[in-house]
Amino acid sequence: MGFRFRKSFRLGKHARLNLSKNGIDASVGGKGLRLGVGKRGVRMSAGIPGTGLNYTKRFDYKSARKK
């Protein structure tokens, strides 16, 4: 098992910047809906707070450029 590095910075009430050994990721949104952008693509996550129910949809950059 290896070590992991991750550091998160809040950029206001609903924005966050995450740093890890794999790169930089930024996300915007609240508890119910969040949009994230990173090197692996764009990610949209929606859920019902307090229930554990969550849906995540990933859009990668390569398929977005082909359309």
C-alpha atoms as a PDB file:
ATOM      1  CA  MET A   1       0.000   0.000   0.000  1.00  0.00           C
ATOM      2  CA  GLY A   2       1.421   3.372  -1.012  1.00  0.00           C
ATOM      3  CA  PHE A   3       1.143   6.864   0.330  1.00  0.00           C
ATOM      4  CA  ARG A   4      -1.356   9.315  -1.139  1.00  0.00           C
ATOM      5  CA  PHE A   5      -1.200  13.077  -1.167  1.00  0.00           C
ATOM      6  CA  ARG A   6      -4.261  15.323  -1.449  1.00  0.00           C
ATOM      7  CA  LYS A   7      -4.764  18.894  -0.299  1.00  0.00           C
ATOM      8  CA  SER A   8      -8.009  20.822  -0.713  1.00  0.00           C
ATOM      9  CA  PHE A   9      -8.456  24.607  -0.610  1.00  0.00           C
ATOM     10  CA  ARG A  10     -11.795  26.375  -0.406  1.00  0.00           C
ATOM     11  CA  LEU A  11     -12.189  29.254  -2.857  1.00  0.00           C
ATOM     12  CA  GLY A  12     -15.357  30.755  -1.483  1.00  0.00           C
ATOM     13  CA  LYS A  13     -18.592  29.214  -0.336  1.00  0.00           C
ATOM     14  CA  HIS A  14     -19.144  26.794  -3.241  1.00  0.00           C
ATOM     15  CA  ALA A  15     -15.751  26.435  -4.986  1.00  0.00           C
ATOM     16  CA  ARG A  16     -12.828  24.170  -4.163  1.00  0.00           C
ATOM     17  CA  LEU A  17      -9.326  23.568  -5.557  1.00  0.00           C
ATOM     18  CA  ASN A  18      -7.820  20.119  -4.966  1.00  0.00           C
ATOM     19  CA  LEU A  19      -4.119  19.326  -5.340  1.00  0.00           C
ATOM     20  CA  SER A  20      -2.716  15.812  -5.537  1.00  0.00           C
ATOM     21  CA  LYS A  21       0.335  14.066  -6.937  1.00  0.00           C
ATOM     22  CA  ASN A  22      -1.694  13.356 -10.097  1.00  0.00           C
ATOM     23  CA  GLY A  23      -2.641  16.973 -10.804  1.00  0.00           C
ATOM     24  CA  ILE A  24      -5.055  19.783 -10.055  1.00  0.00           C
ATOM     25  CA  ASP A  25      -8.839  19.523  -9.907  1.00  0.00           C
ATOM     26  CA  ALA A  26     -11.409  22.288  -9.410  1.00  0.00           C
ATOM     27  CA  SER A  27     -15.028  21.852  -8.378  1.00  0.00           C
ATOM     28  CA  VAL A  28     -18.032  24.137  -7.989  1.00  0.00           C
ATOM     29  CA  GLY A  29     -21.366  23.453  -6.338  1.00  0.00           C
ATOM     30  CA  GLY A  30     -23.096  22.572  -3.123  1.00  0.00           C
ATOM     31  CA  LYS A  31     -24.252  19.395  -1.390  1.00  0.00           C
ATOM     32  CA  GLY A  32     -26.902  18.412  -3.930  1.00  0.00           C
ATOM     33  CA  LEU A  33     -25.141  19.233  -7.198  1.00  0.00           C
ATOM     34  CA  ARG A  34     -21.443  19.561  -8.000  1.00  0.00           C
ATOM     35  CA  LEU A  35     -19.446  20.106 -11.207  1.00  0.00           C
ATOM     36  CA  GLY A  36     -15.756  19.183 -11.271  1.00  0.00           C
ATOM     37  CA  VAL A  37     -13.000  19.723 -13.837  1.00  0.00           C
ATOM     38  CA  GLY A  38      -9.682  17.875 -13.847  1.00  0.00           C
ATOM     39  CA  LYS A  39      -7.183  16.174 -16.120  1.00  0.00           C
ATOM     40  CA  ARG A  40      -9.472  13.151 -16.612  1.00  0.00           C
ATOM     41  CA  GLY A  41     -12.384  15.290 -17.824  1.00  0.00           C
ATOM     42  CA  VAL A  42     -15.500  16.974 -16.529  1.00  0.00           C
ATOM     43  CA  ARG A  43     -17.600  15.316 -13.842  1.00  0.00           C
ATOM     44  CA  MET A  44     -21.167  16.140 -12.784  1.00  0.00           C
ATOM     45  CA  SER A  45     -22.431  14.714  -9.519  1.00  0.00           C
ATOM     46  CA  ALA A  46     -25.967  14.948  -8.129  1.00  0.00           C
ATOM     47  CA  GLY A  47     -27.286  13.487  -4.921  1.00  0.00           C
ATOM     48  CA  ILE A  48     -29.814  13.715  -2.130  1.00  0.00           C
ATOM     49  CA  PRO A  49     -28.025  14.981   1.003  1.00  0.00           C
ATOM     50  CA  GLY A  50     -28.275  12.730   4.037  1.00  0.00           C
ATOM     51  CA  THR A  51     -29.429   9.644   2.120  1.00  0.00           C
ATOM     52  CA  GLY A  52     -26.217   8.341   0.566  1.00  0.00           C
ATOM     53  CA  LEU A  53     -27.851   8.330  -2.888  1.00  0.00           C
ATOM     54  CA  ASN A  54     -25.590   9.826  -5.526  1.00  0.00           C
ATOM     55  CA  TYR A  55     -25.313   9.829  -9.336  1.00  0.00           C
ATOM     56  CA  THR A  56     -22.096  10.763 -11.142  1.00  0.00           C
ATOM     57  CA  LYS A  57     -21.673  11.317 -14.882  1.00  0.00           C
ATOM     58  CA  ARG A  58     -18.202  11.734 -16.384  1.00  0.00           C
ATOM     59  CA  PHE A  59     -17.475  13.508 -19.666  1.00  0.00           C
ATOM     60  CA  ASP A  60     -13.939  12.938 -20.903  1.00  0.00           C
ATOM     61  CA  TYR A  61     -12.093  15.536 -22.963  1.00  0.00           C
ATOM     62  CA  LYS A  62     -11.315  13.248 -25.917  1.00  0.00           C
ATOM     63  CA  SER A  63     -14.938  12.349 -26.699  1.00  0.00           C
ATOM     64  CA  ALA A  64     -16.036  15.972 -26.222  1.00  0.00           C
ATOM     65  CA  ARG A  65     -13.474  17.146 -28.829  1.00  0.00           C
ATOM     66  CA  LYS A  66     -14.643  14.574 -31.433  1.00  0.00           C
ATOM     67  CA  LYS A  67     -18.264  15.801 -31.431  1.00  0.00           C
END
